[in-house]
């Protein structure tokens, strides 16, 4: 029995409309011959022309958090919360090899030749993976626990690394973090920092290097505008205001952030003071809130119904801008999405000082991801389970296809066999607990850094003076970190001037010298071998 026959049999027993929730597609990799789909723990390979489901496999340890397909469409790399990097052959999804990563991964990419894999993690490091381990190869008993994969550390940030990419010539690696930094470093000699692109006032969550403008970088995050940089000089060329266009479509509010015990932003003394028996709890609560709590407690003790919500003042749900992904189309248009927004956005690439209008295409459900293909189509992954409380729409689409026409996004390919499969046979049922584990909108809480104590933290109060002191300390700390980075970069530059050869045998250039003029023959990528 084929895969299609199995799925048809299941759906004949359990109609699709009777299933409460389905795994949404979080990543899509269309190629001319096959399309790879990531849906929670499920990895599926479909025939692009016919939509036939060719191969499928499920990871039992949890959802796939990040994945990458090599340029040839032959190998797929996936990683999840178990910190295992798995490389599979697309044809059959057979496991070629796997290895343990030092920390939880945030992004995985292949180099252009498909022979090297770069992995970033939550602790701000980027590792380069060489010849993969196989099941027959065992680790040395004395191998480092901090780097069990044996990969080479390229660079590190002091903050959560949110995005990274390689330049088109793969001579530089550009990284961004939650502390507003964009750093341009040599690749693979990441210790050599070429430039900083400083100007964001909030976190940077997405960066993109257009193929038609390789010397420029588009970045976005929590700021109300996208920035276009000359990344070799660190100067801003354009600002594109996007907040006014995006804000009406943000339908997922930012959750109230309760800091965990391992949150680096919370001082240790404050973490220890939490709990119901913490000293001074409730002393500085607002009078109206304290009275409301007394009424609730008395009502509960007496068995009466709790008072209506009107007695307790509620805060309006806050909308937070988190740019999720930025890409460009061949027509020189920027396409981007925001976490929790139901629309996909586009604007023409600015020329000179003229910025174009940001246009939106409302898809009715939150956009999780999108992919721009070489033929100009834009495949958009949606949270098909989401509802705004209104009567359910007859069409519950998880994937829709758009294209650019005269600067506007329009929908196409409704009769595509591949699209039909993505919205039917490839969908897998999911329990409420497993759906929650996906944490589809986690960046709304993870990316913003609160400089003041959260209002919902129990047992903690702060005055404006206290908040100002906390903010000043953090600002000073960041300035010290930046100063230390610049001093280290200057020290390395001075050392390289007096030392003709670097540790890896590559001659160090003068400052700002184009790296391609020097070459890097000492470190070659290693071809992936199958077992």
Protein backbone atom coordinates (compact mmCIF):
# COMPACT_ATOMS: atom_id res chain seq x y z
CA UNK A 1 0.00 0.00 0.00
CA UNK A 2 1.42 3.38 -1.01
CA UNK A 3 1.69 6.43 1.25
CA UNK A 4 -1.23 8.11 -0.53
CA UNK A 5 -3.42 5.03 -0.07
CA UNK A 6 -2.60 4.92 3.65
CA UNK A 7 -3.52 8.59 4.11
CA UNK A 8 -6.73 8.14 2.10
CA UNK A 9 -7.67 5.18 4.30
CA UNK A 10 -7.10 7.20 7.48
CA UNK A 11 -9.16 10.09 6.23
CA UNK A 12 -11.98 7.79 5.19
CA UNK A 13 -12.20 6.63 8.80
CA UNK A 14 -11.63 10.06 10.38
CA UNK A 15 -12.82 12.95 8.20
CA UNK A 16 -10.51 15.97 8.08
CA UNK A 17 -13.24 18.24 9.42
CA UNK A 18 -13.61 16.06 12.53
CA UNK A 19 -9.97 16.57 13.56
CA UNK A 20 -9.70 19.37 16.09
CA UNK A 21 -6.15 20.49 15.26
CA UNK A 22 -3.54 19.74 12.62
CA UNK A 23 0.20 20.31 12.54
CA UNK A 24 0.82 23.55 10.61
CA UNK A 25 3.63 23.59 8.07
CA UNK A 26 6.48 25.64 9.53
CA UNK A 27 9.06 25.32 6.74
CA UNK A 28 8.76 24.65 3.03
CA UNK A 29 11.55 23.90 0.55
CA UNK A 30 10.18 23.76 -3.03
CA UNK A 31 12.52 22.60 -5.80
CA UNK A 32 11.70 21.83 -9.45
CA UNK A 33 11.48 18.08 -8.74
CA UNK A 34 10.59 17.67 -5.06
CA UNK A 35 9.25 19.75 -2.17
CA UNK A 36 10.31 19.14 1.43
CA UNK A 37 7.78 20.05 4.12
CA UNK A 38 8.43 20.42 7.87
CA UNK A 39 5.36 20.12 10.11
CA UNK A 40 6.15 19.80 13.81
CA UNK A 41 8.11 16.53 14.12
CA UNK A 42 7.06 15.40 10.63
CA UNK A 43 9.31 15.60 7.56
CA UNK A 44 7.67 14.88 4.21
CA UNK A 45 8.86 14.83 0.61
CA UNK A 46 6.33 15.57 -2.13
CA UNK A 47 6.56 15.45 -5.90
CA UNK A 48 6.41 19.10 -6.96
CA UNK A 49 4.65 18.45 -10.26
CA UNK A 50 2.00 15.94 -9.14
CA UNK A 51 1.74 16.62 -5.40
CA UNK A 52 2.16 12.92 -4.65
CA UNK A 53 3.51 12.18 -1.16
CA UNK A 54 6.76 10.30 -1.77
CA UNK A 55 8.37 9.91 1.67
CA UNK A 56 7.49 10.76 5.24
CA UNK A 57 9.13 10.34 8.63
CA UNK A 58 8.41 11.61 12.14
CA UNK A 59 10.98 12.57 14.76
CA UNK A 60 9.86 11.00 18.02
CA UNK A 61 11.83 13.36 20.27
CA UNK A 62 9.91 16.51 19.40
CA UNK A 63 9.34 19.16 16.73
CA UNK A 64 11.94 20.18 14.18
CA UNK A 65 13.02 23.70 15.16
CA UNK A 66 15.28 24.51 12.22
CA UNK A 67 16.05 22.91 8.88
CA UNK A 68 18.01 23.59 5.71
CA UNK A 69 18.19 22.10 2.24
CA UNK A 70 21.43 22.16 0.27
CA UNK A 71 21.53 24.02 -3.05
CA UNK A 72 21.35 20.79 -5.05
CA UNK A 73 18.27 19.60 -3.14
CA UNK A 74 19.99 16.36 -2.22
CA UNK A 75 20.51 16.63 1.54
CA UNK A 76 18.32 17.92 4.36
CA UNK A 77 19.70 19.04 7.73
CA UNK A 78 17.36 19.24 10.72
CA UNK A 79 17.76 20.02 14.42
CA UNK A 80 15.46 20.31 17.42
CA UNK A 81 15.28 20.56 21.18
CA UNK A 82 17.22 17.30 21.60
CA UNK A 83 20.28 19.16 20.22
CA UNK A 84 20.87 16.49 17.56
CA UNK A 85 21.89 17.62 14.08
CA UNK A 86 20.56 15.08 11.59
CA UNK A 87 21.46 14.91 7.93
CA UNK A 88 19.11 12.97 5.69
CA UNK A 89 19.11 12.19 2.03
CA UNK A 90 16.00 13.72 0.47
CA UNK A 91 15.47 10.66 -1.70
CA UNK A 92 14.00 8.27 0.85
CA UNK A 93 14.76 10.42 3.93
CA UNK A 94 17.40 7.92 5.03
CA UNK A 95 19.60 9.09 7.90
CA UNK A 96 23.09 9.76 6.58
CA UNK A 97 24.55 10.77 9.96
CA UNK A 98 23.79 12.65 13.15
CA UNK A 99 25.71 14.40 15.89
CA UNK A 100 25.07 16.14 19.17
CA UNK A 101 25.28 19.93 19.22
CA UNK A 102 26.68 21.84 22.22
CA UNK A 103 23.54 23.97 22.72
CA UNK A 104 20.00 24.23 21.37
CA UNK A 105 20.16 25.38 17.74
CA UNK A 106 18.43 28.46 16.35
CA UNK A 107 19.37 28.22 12.66
CA UNK A 108 21.03 25.80 10.25
CA UNK A 109 22.39 26.62 6.78
CA UNK A 110 24.46 24.87 4.11
CA UNK A 111 27.32 26.55 2.28
CA UNK A 112 26.83 27.04 -1.47
CA UNK A 113 28.62 23.81 -2.38
CA UNK A 114 26.59 21.84 0.16
CA UNK A 115 29.67 20.42 1.86
CA UNK A 116 29.65 22.38 5.12
CA UNK A 117 26.91 23.13 7.63
CA UNK A 118 26.77 26.20 9.88
CA UNK A 119 24.72 26.07 13.07
CA UNK A 120 23.90 28.90 15.48
CA UNK A 121 22.63 28.37 19.02
CA UNK A 122 20.82 30.20 21.81
CA UNK A 123 24.09 31.12 23.51
CA UNK A 124 25.26 33.26 20.58
CA UNK A 125 27.77 30.86 19.01
CA UNK A 126 28.12 29.74 15.39
CA UNK A 127 29.80 26.39 14.70
CA UNK A 128 31.05 24.98 11.43
CA UNK A 129 30.51 21.25 11.07
CA UNK A 130 33.10 19.18 9.24
CA UNK A 131 32.97 15.51 8.22
CA UNK A 132 29.85 14.24 10.02
CA UNK A 133 30.04 11.56 12.66
CA UNK A 134 28.52 8.20 11.86
CA UNK A 135 27.02 5.54 14.09
CA UNK A 136 30.18 3.48 13.71
CA UNK A 137 32.38 6.29 14.98
CA UNK A 138 32.41 6.70 18.75
CA UNK A 139 33.47 9.78 20.64
CA UNK A 140 36.65 9.76 22.64
CA UNK A 141 36.01 9.34 26.36
CA UNK A 142 37.98 12.55 26.97
CA UNK A 143 36.15 14.63 24.37
CA UNK A 144 34.89 18.02 25.51
CA UNK A 145 31.37 18.06 26.89
CA UNK A 146 31.02 21.67 25.77
CA UNK A 147 31.46 20.77 22.10
CA UNK A 148 30.40 17.14 21.64
CA UNK A 149 29.90 17.53 17.89
CA UNK A 150 33.54 18.30 17.18
CA UNK A 151 32.56 21.32 15.09
CA UNK A 152 34.75 24.40 14.75
CA UNK A 153 33.67 27.54 16.61
CA UNK A 154 33.49 30.39 14.10
CA UNK A 155 32.39 33.23 16.39
CA UNK A 156 30.30 34.08 19.41
CA UNK A 157 28.01 36.83 20.66
CA UNK A 158 27.41 37.80 24.27
CA UNK A 159 23.66 37.81 23.57
CA UNK A 160 21.14 35.49 21.94
CA UNK A 161 22.07 35.20 18.26
CA UNK A 162 18.86 35.78 16.30
CA UNK A 163 20.00 35.61 12.67
CA UNK A 164 23.06 35.03 10.50
CA UNK A 165 24.01 34.59 6.86
CA UNK A 166 27.02 34.27 4.59
CA UNK A 167 27.83 36.91 1.99
CA UNK A 168 27.31 35.91 -1.63
CA UNK A 169 31.03 35.17 -2.05
CA UNK A 170 31.11 33.39 1.34
CA UNK A 171 34.05 35.52 2.43
CA UNK A 172 32.11 37.10 5.30
CA UNK A 173 29.59 36.01 7.89
CA UNK A 174 27.01 38.57 9.06
CA UNK A 175 25.38 37.98 12.44
CA UNK A 176 22.67 39.75 14.45
CA UNK A 177 21.64 39.45 18.09
CA UNK A 178 19.03 40.55 20.61
CA UNK A 179 21.24 43.44 21.80
CA UNK A 180 20.75 45.52 18.62
CA UNK A 181 24.11 44.45 17.13
CA UNK A 182 24.86 43.50 13.54
CA UNK A 183 28.42 42.27 13.12
CA UNK A 184 30.38 41.61 9.93
CA UNK A 185 33.18 39.07 10.45
CA UNK A 186 35.51 37.13 8.24
CA UNK A 187 34.54 33.60 7.33
CA UNK A 188 35.80 31.23 8.53
CA UNK A 189 38.16 33.40 10.65
CA UNK A 190 35.28 34.81 12.68
CA UNK A 191 37.64 36.33 15.27
CA UNK A 192 38.50 39.00 12.68
CA UNK A 193 35.70 41.56 12.93
CA UNK A 194 35.45 43.66 9.79
CA UNK A 195 32.63 46.04 10.72
CA UNK A 196 29.65 46.75 12.97
CA UNK A 197 26.30 48.01 11.66
CA UNK A 198 25.02 49.94 14.67
CA UNK A 199 21.80 51.93 14.60
CA UNK A 200 18.98 49.68 15.73
CA UNK A 201 17.45 50.68 19.05
CA UNK A 202 15.74 47.33 19.61
CA UNK A 203 16.56 43.71 18.88
CA UNK A 204 17.42 42.55 15.35
CA UNK A 205 15.51 39.41 14.41
CA UNK A 206 15.91 39.16 10.61
CA UNK A 207 18.58 40.06 8.05
CA UNK A 208 18.81 39.54 4.29
CA UNK A 209 21.48 40.07 1.63
CA UNK A 210 19.78 40.69 -1.76
CA UNK A 211 21.25 38.85 -4.72
CA UNK A 212 20.79 41.95 -6.90
CA UNK A 213 22.58 44.15 -4.31
CA UNK A 214 25.26 41.96 -2.66
CA UNK A 215 26.94 44.94 -1.00
CA UNK A 216 23.77 45.84 0.90
CA UNK A 217 21.95 44.31 3.85
CA UNK A 218 18.29 44.58 4.84
CA UNK A 219 17.61 44.25 8.57
CA UNK A 220 14.58 44.38 10.82
CA UNK A 221 13.41 43.45 14.27
CA UNK A 222 11.62 45.43 16.94
CA UNK A 223 12.22 48.88 15.45
CA UNK A 224 9.37 50.50 13.51
CA UNK A 225 11.52 50.62 10.36
CA UNK A 226 13.57 48.27 8.21
CA UNK A 227 17.12 49.43 7.57
CA UNK A 228 19.21 49.02 4.44
CA UNK A 229 22.95 49.09 5.07
CA UNK A 230 26.18 49.27 3.18
CA UNK A 231 27.50 46.47 5.38
CA UNK A 232 31.17 46.97 4.52
CA UNK A 233 31.12 50.55 5.79
CA UNK A 234 28.43 50.15 8.45
CA UNK A 235 26.38 53.08 7.14
CA UNK A 236 22.59 53.20 6.83
CA UNK A 237 21.46 53.96 3.27
CA UNK A 238 17.68 53.82 3.75
CA UNK A 239 15.03 53.56 6.45
CA UNK A 240 11.66 52.03 5.51
CA UNK A 241 8.88 52.70 8.01
CA UNK A 242 6.80 49.53 8.31
CA UNK A 243 5.04 49.79 11.68
CA UNK A 244 2.05 51.77 10.42
CA UNK A 245 1.42 49.14 7.74
CA UNK A 246 2.04 46.08 9.94
CA UNK A 247 0.31 47.09 13.19
CA UNK A 248 -3.32 46.65 12.00
CA UNK A 249 -2.62 43.02 11.03
CA UNK A 250 -0.93 41.87 14.25
CA UNK A 251 -3.54 39.55 15.76
CA UNK A 252 -1.42 37.68 18.31
CA UNK A 253 -0.72 39.90 21.35
CA UNK A 254 2.53 39.70 23.24
CA UNK A 255 2.16 37.40 26.25
CA UNK A 256 2.86 38.71 29.70
CA UNK A 257 6.45 37.72 30.25
CA UNK A 258 7.22 35.90 33.47
CA UNK A 259 10.94 35.51 33.72
CA UNK A 260 12.25 32.05 34.37
CA UNK A 261 14.86 31.14 36.92
CA UNK A 262 17.49 30.91 34.18
CA UNK A 263 16.67 34.30 32.64
CA UNK A 264 19.93 36.22 32.39
CA UNK A 265 18.11 39.56 32.52
CA UNK A 266 16.93 39.04 36.09
CA UNK A 267 19.44 39.67 38.89
CA UNK A 268 20.05 36.67 41.12
CA UNK A 269 18.90 38.54 44.23
CA UNK A 270 15.51 39.19 42.67
CA UNK A 271 15.12 35.57 41.60
CA UNK A 272 15.77 34.40 45.15
CA UNK A 273 13.23 36.83 46.56
CA UNK A 274 10.32 35.46 44.56
CA UNK A 275 7.57 33.30 45.92
CA UNK A 276 4.54 33.63 48.10
CA UNK A 277 6.61 34.20 51.22
CA UNK A 278 8.88 36.84 49.75
CA UNK A 279 9.47 39.84 51.99
CA UNK A 280 7.38 42.88 51.34
CA UNK A 281 4.98 41.13 49.03
CA UNK A 282 2.01 43.28 48.14
CA UNK A 283 3.10 46.32 50.12
CA UNK A 284 3.15 48.64 47.15
CA UNK A 285 0.18 47.28 45.25
CA UNK A 286 -2.21 49.86 43.87
CA UNK A 287 -5.16 50.52 46.18
CA UNK A 288 -7.79 49.52 43.62
CA UNK A 289 -6.02 46.24 42.87
CA UNK A 290 -5.66 45.40 46.58
CA UNK A 291 -9.36 46.06 47.22
CA UNK A 292 -10.36 43.99 44.23
CA UNK A 293 -8.27 41.08 45.50
CA UNK A 294 -9.92 41.35 48.93
CA UNK A 295 -13.37 41.17 47.33
CA UNK A 296 -12.35 38.12 45.31
CA UNK A 297 -10.90 36.34 48.35
CA UNK A 298 -14.01 37.04 50.47
CA UNK A 299 -16.31 35.86 47.72
CA UNK A 300 -14.32 32.64 47.25
CA UNK A 301 -14.21 31.93 50.97
CA UNK A 302 -17.96 32.48 51.31
CA UNK A 303 -18.75 30.31 48.32
CA UNK A 304 -20.19 33.23 46.37
CA UNK A 305 -19.42 33.95 42.77
CA UNK A 306 -16.42 36.11 42.03
CA UNK A 307 -17.13 39.72 41.04
CA UNK A 308 -17.29 40.67 37.41
CA UNK A 309 -14.11 41.59 35.55
CA UNK A 310 -15.30 45.19 35.50
CA UNK A 311 -14.15 45.59 39.12
CA UNK A 312 -10.59 44.70 38.18
CA UNK A 313 -8.88 47.04 35.71
CA UNK A 314 -7.45 45.18 32.71
CA UNK A 315 -4.60 46.24 30.52
CA UNK A 316 -5.09 46.32 26.80
CA UNK A 317 -3.15 43.57 25.02
CA UNK A 318 0.12 44.98 23.78
CA UNK A 319 1.14 44.60 20.15
CA UNK A 320 4.82 43.86 19.65
CA UNK A 321 6.62 44.08 16.32
CA UNK A 322 8.95 41.17 15.62
CA UNK A 323 10.05 40.92 11.99
CA UNK A 324 10.13 37.19 11.30
CA UNK A 325 11.67 36.95 7.83
CA UNK A 326 12.94 39.22 5.06
CA UNK A 327 13.46 38.18 1.43
CA UNK A 328 13.59 39.83 -1.98
CA UNK A 329 12.07 38.99 -5.33
CA UNK A 330 13.71 39.25 -8.74
CA UNK A 331 11.52 42.28 -9.43
CA UNK A 332 13.53 44.20 -6.80
CA UNK A 333 10.81 44.05 -4.16
CA UNK A 334 11.30 43.39 -0.46
CA UNK A 335 8.95 40.76 0.99
CA UNK A 336 8.69 40.35 4.75
CA UNK A 337 6.51 38.94 7.52
CA UNK A 338 5.96 39.69 11.20
CA UNK A 339 5.33 37.25 14.04
CA UNK A 340 1.61 37.02 14.77
CA UNK A 341 0.53 39.10 11.75
CA UNK A 342 -2.06 37.77 9.31
CA UNK A 343 -0.65 39.57 6.28
CA UNK A 344 2.41 39.32 4.07
CA UNK A 345 4.05 42.64 3.26
CA UNK A 346 5.99 44.01 0.32
CA UNK A 347 7.62 47.23 -0.79
CA UNK A 348 9.81 48.10 -3.74
CA UNK A 349 13.54 48.25 -3.08
CA UNK A 350 14.34 51.93 -2.48
CA UNK A 351 16.46 53.86 -4.94
CA UNK A 352 18.32 56.97 -3.84
CA UNK A 353 16.35 58.52 -0.97
CA UNK A 354 12.89 57.56 -2.20
CA UNK A 355 11.04 55.01 -0.07
CA UNK A 356 7.98 53.29 -1.50
CA UNK A 357 4.70 52.47 0.18
CA UNK A 358 4.45 49.23 2.17
CA UNK A 359 1.62 47.09 0.84
CA UNK A 360 -0.09 44.21 2.62
CA UNK A 361 -1.97 41.10 1.51
CA UNK A 362 -4.24 39.87 4.30
CA UNK A 363 -4.34 36.07 4.42
CA UNK A 364 -6.79 35.88 7.31
CA UNK A 365 -4.53 33.70 9.48
CA UNK A 366 -1.13 34.33 11.08
CA UNK A 367 1.80 33.90 8.69
CA UNK A 368 4.34 31.40 10.05
CA UNK A 369 6.83 31.38 7.19
CA UNK A 370 7.17 32.00 3.47
CA UNK A 371 9.46 30.99 0.62
CA UNK A 372 10.20 32.94 -2.56
CA UNK A 373 11.02 30.57 -5.44
CA UNK A 374 13.00 31.24 -8.60
CA UNK A 375 9.83 31.29 -10.70
CA UNK A 376 8.49 34.25 -8.72
CA UNK A 377 5.94 32.36 -6.62
CA UNK A 378 5.69 33.02 -2.89
CA UNK A 379 4.61 29.97 -0.85
CA UNK A 380 3.12 31.13 2.46
CA UNK A 381 2.72 28.84 5.50
CA UNK A 382 -0.21 29.75 7.75
CA UNK A 383 -1.47 28.80 11.19
CA UNK A 384 -4.62 27.10 9.93
CA UNK A 385 -5.72 26.21 13.46
CA UNK A 386 -5.98 29.84 14.55
CA UNK A 387 -9.36 31.48 14.86
CA UNK A 388 -10.42 34.95 15.92
CA UNK A 389 -13.63 33.73 17.51
CA UNK A 390 -15.85 34.44 14.52
CA UNK A 391 -17.75 31.59 12.80
CA UNK A 392 -15.28 29.21 11.17
CA UNK A 393 -14.55 29.93 7.55
CA UNK A 394 -15.29 27.07 5.13
CA UNK A 395 -11.73 27.19 3.80
CA UNK A 396 -9.10 26.16 6.35
CA UNK A 397 -5.92 26.74 4.36
CA UNK A 398 -2.49 26.02 5.79
CA UNK A 399 -0.59 27.05 2.63
CA UNK A 400 -1.40 29.69 0.03
CA UNK A 401 0.54 30.86 -3.01
CA UNK A 402 1.06 34.49 -4.01
CA UNK A 403 3.01 36.41 -6.61
CA UNK A 404 3.92 40.01 -7.30
CA UNK A 405 2.01 41.81 -10.01
CA UNK A 406 2.69 45.51 -10.61
CA UNK A 407 4.00 45.84 -7.08
CA UNK A 408 0.96 44.18 -5.46
CA UNK A 409 0.67 40.69 -4.01
CA UNK A 410 -2.00 38.57 -5.70
CA UNK A 411 -3.08 34.98 -5.11
CA UNK A 412 -2.40 32.30 -7.72
CA UNK A 413 -2.09 28.52 -8.19
CA UNK A 414 -5.40 27.52 -6.60
CA UNK A 415 -5.55 24.47 -8.90
CA UNK A 416 -1.99 23.32 -8.14
CA UNK A 417 -1.77 19.59 -7.22
CA UNK A 418 1.08 20.38 -4.83
CA UNK A 419 -0.98 23.05 -3.08
CA UNK A 420 -3.92 20.66 -2.80
CA UNK A 421 -1.76 18.03 -1.09
CA UNK A 422 -0.23 20.58 1.28
CA UNK A 423 -3.74 21.51 2.41
CA UNK A 424 -5.05 17.95 2.73
CA UNK A 425 -3.06 14.72 2.59
CA UNK A 426 0.14 16.12 4.10
CA UNK A 427 -1.64 17.46 7.20
CA UNK A 428 -1.16 15.40 10.36
CA UNK A 429 -3.37 15.44 13.48
CA UNK A 430 -1.91 16.93 16.65
CA UNK A 431 -2.95 16.97 20.29
CA UNK A 432 -3.45 20.22 22.19
CA UNK A 433 -0.31 19.62 24.27
CA UNK A 434 1.87 18.90 21.23
CA UNK A 435 0.48 21.94 19.44
CA UNK A 436 1.36 24.11 22.42
CA UNK A 437 4.88 22.65 22.41
CA UNK A 438 5.46 24.13 18.94
CA UNK A 439 5.51 27.60 20.54
CA UNK A 440 4.70 29.23 17.21
CA UNK A 441 4.73 32.76 18.62
CA UNK A 442 7.46 32.38 21.23
CA UNK A 443 9.53 35.20 19.72
CA UNK A 444 6.94 37.72 20.89
CA UNK A 445 8.13 37.03 24.44
CA UNK A 446 11.71 35.91 23.78
CA UNK A 447 12.98 38.75 21.60
CA UNK A 448 11.96 41.95 23.48
CA UNK A 449 14.22 42.80 26.40
CA UNK A 450 12.32 44.51 29.20
CA UNK A 451 14.38 47.23 30.85
CA UNK A 452 11.88 47.65 33.65
CA UNK A 453 10.49 45.10 36.07
CA UNK A 454 7.39 43.38 34.66
CA UNK A 455 4.08 44.44 36.16
CA UNK A 456 2.96 40.85 36.64
CA UNK A 457 5.96 39.71 38.66
CA UNK A 458 4.81 38.62 42.06
CA UNK A 459 6.36 40.12 45.15
CA UNK A 460 8.26 42.81 43.24
CA UNK A 461 7.58 46.53 42.96
CA UNK A 462 9.61 49.34 41.52
CA UNK A 463 9.58 53.10 41.49
CA UNK A 464 10.55 55.23 38.48
CA UNK A 465 13.88 55.91 40.18
CA UNK A 466 14.53 52.17 40.57
CA UNK A 467 13.61 51.55 36.95
CA UNK A 468 15.94 54.34 35.84
CA UNK A 469 18.79 52.87 37.87
CA UNK A 470 18.19 49.43 36.33
CA UNK A 471 18.10 50.92 32.85
CA UNK A 472 21.27 52.97 33.42
CA UNK A 473 23.13 49.90 34.68
CA UNK A 474 22.15 47.92 31.63
CA UNK A 475 23.09 50.73 29.26
CA UNK A 476 26.47 51.08 30.95
CA UNK A 477 26.97 47.34 30.78
CA UNK A 478 26.25 47.28 27.06
CA UNK A 479 28.60 50.20 26.44
CA UNK A 480 31.34 48.39 28.35
CA UNK A 481 30.78 45.26 26.28
CA UNK A 482 30.92 47.24 23.03
CA UNK A 483 34.08 49.01 24.18
CA UNK A 484 35.68 45.67 25.07
CA UNK A 485 34.81 44.29 21.64
CA UNK A 486 36.35 47.27 19.85
CA UNK A 487 39.49 47.11 22.01
CA UNK A 488 39.86 43.41 21.28
CA UNK A 489 39.40 44.03 17.56
CA UNK A 490 42.06 46.75 17.64
CA UNK A 491 44.41 44.48 19.57
CA UNK A 492 43.97 41.72 17.00
CA UNK A 493 44.54 44.20 14.19
CA UNK A 494 47.78 45.36 15.84
CA UNK A 495 48.90 41.79 16.39
CA UNK A 496 48.18 40.88 12.79
CA UNK A 497 50.24 43.84 11.59
CA UNK A 498 53.31 42.53 13.43
CA UNK A 499 52.67 38.86 12.66
CA UNK A 500 52.83 37.92 8.98
CA UNK A 501 50.87 34.68 9.40
CA UNK A 502 47.76 33.96 11.46
CA UNK A 503 47.30 30.83 13.53
CA UNK A 504 45.48 29.04 10.71
CA UNK A 505 48.23 29.81 8.23
CA UNK A 506 46.35 32.50 6.31
CA UNK A 507 48.15 35.79 5.79
CA UNK A 508 46.31 38.58 7.57
CA UNK A 509 45.33 41.57 5.41
CA UNK A 510 45.43 45.22 6.23
CA UNK A 511 42.30 46.77 7.67
CA UNK A 512 39.44 47.00 5.15
CA UNK A 513 41.34 45.02 2.55
CA UNK A 514 38.96 42.91 0.49
CA UNK A 515 39.23 39.37 1.69
CA UNK A 516 38.84 37.94 -1.80
CA UNK A 517 42.20 39.49 -2.71
CA UNK A 518 43.88 37.21 -0.21
CA UNK A 519 42.10 33.89 -0.63
CA UNK A 520 41.71 31.11 1.88
CA UNK A 521 43.25 27.88 0.68
CA UNK A 522 44.20 26.57 4.09
CA UNK A 523 40.72 25.44 5.13
CA UNK A 524 38.71 23.41 2.67
CA UNK A 525 35.20 22.13 3.22
CA UNK A 526 34.94 18.39 3.66
CA UNK A 527 32.58 16.41 1.46
CA UNK A 528 29.70 14.71 3.26
CA UNK A 529 30.04 10.96 3.06
CA UNK A 530 27.23 8.48 3.49
CA UNK A 531 27.41 5.34 5.61
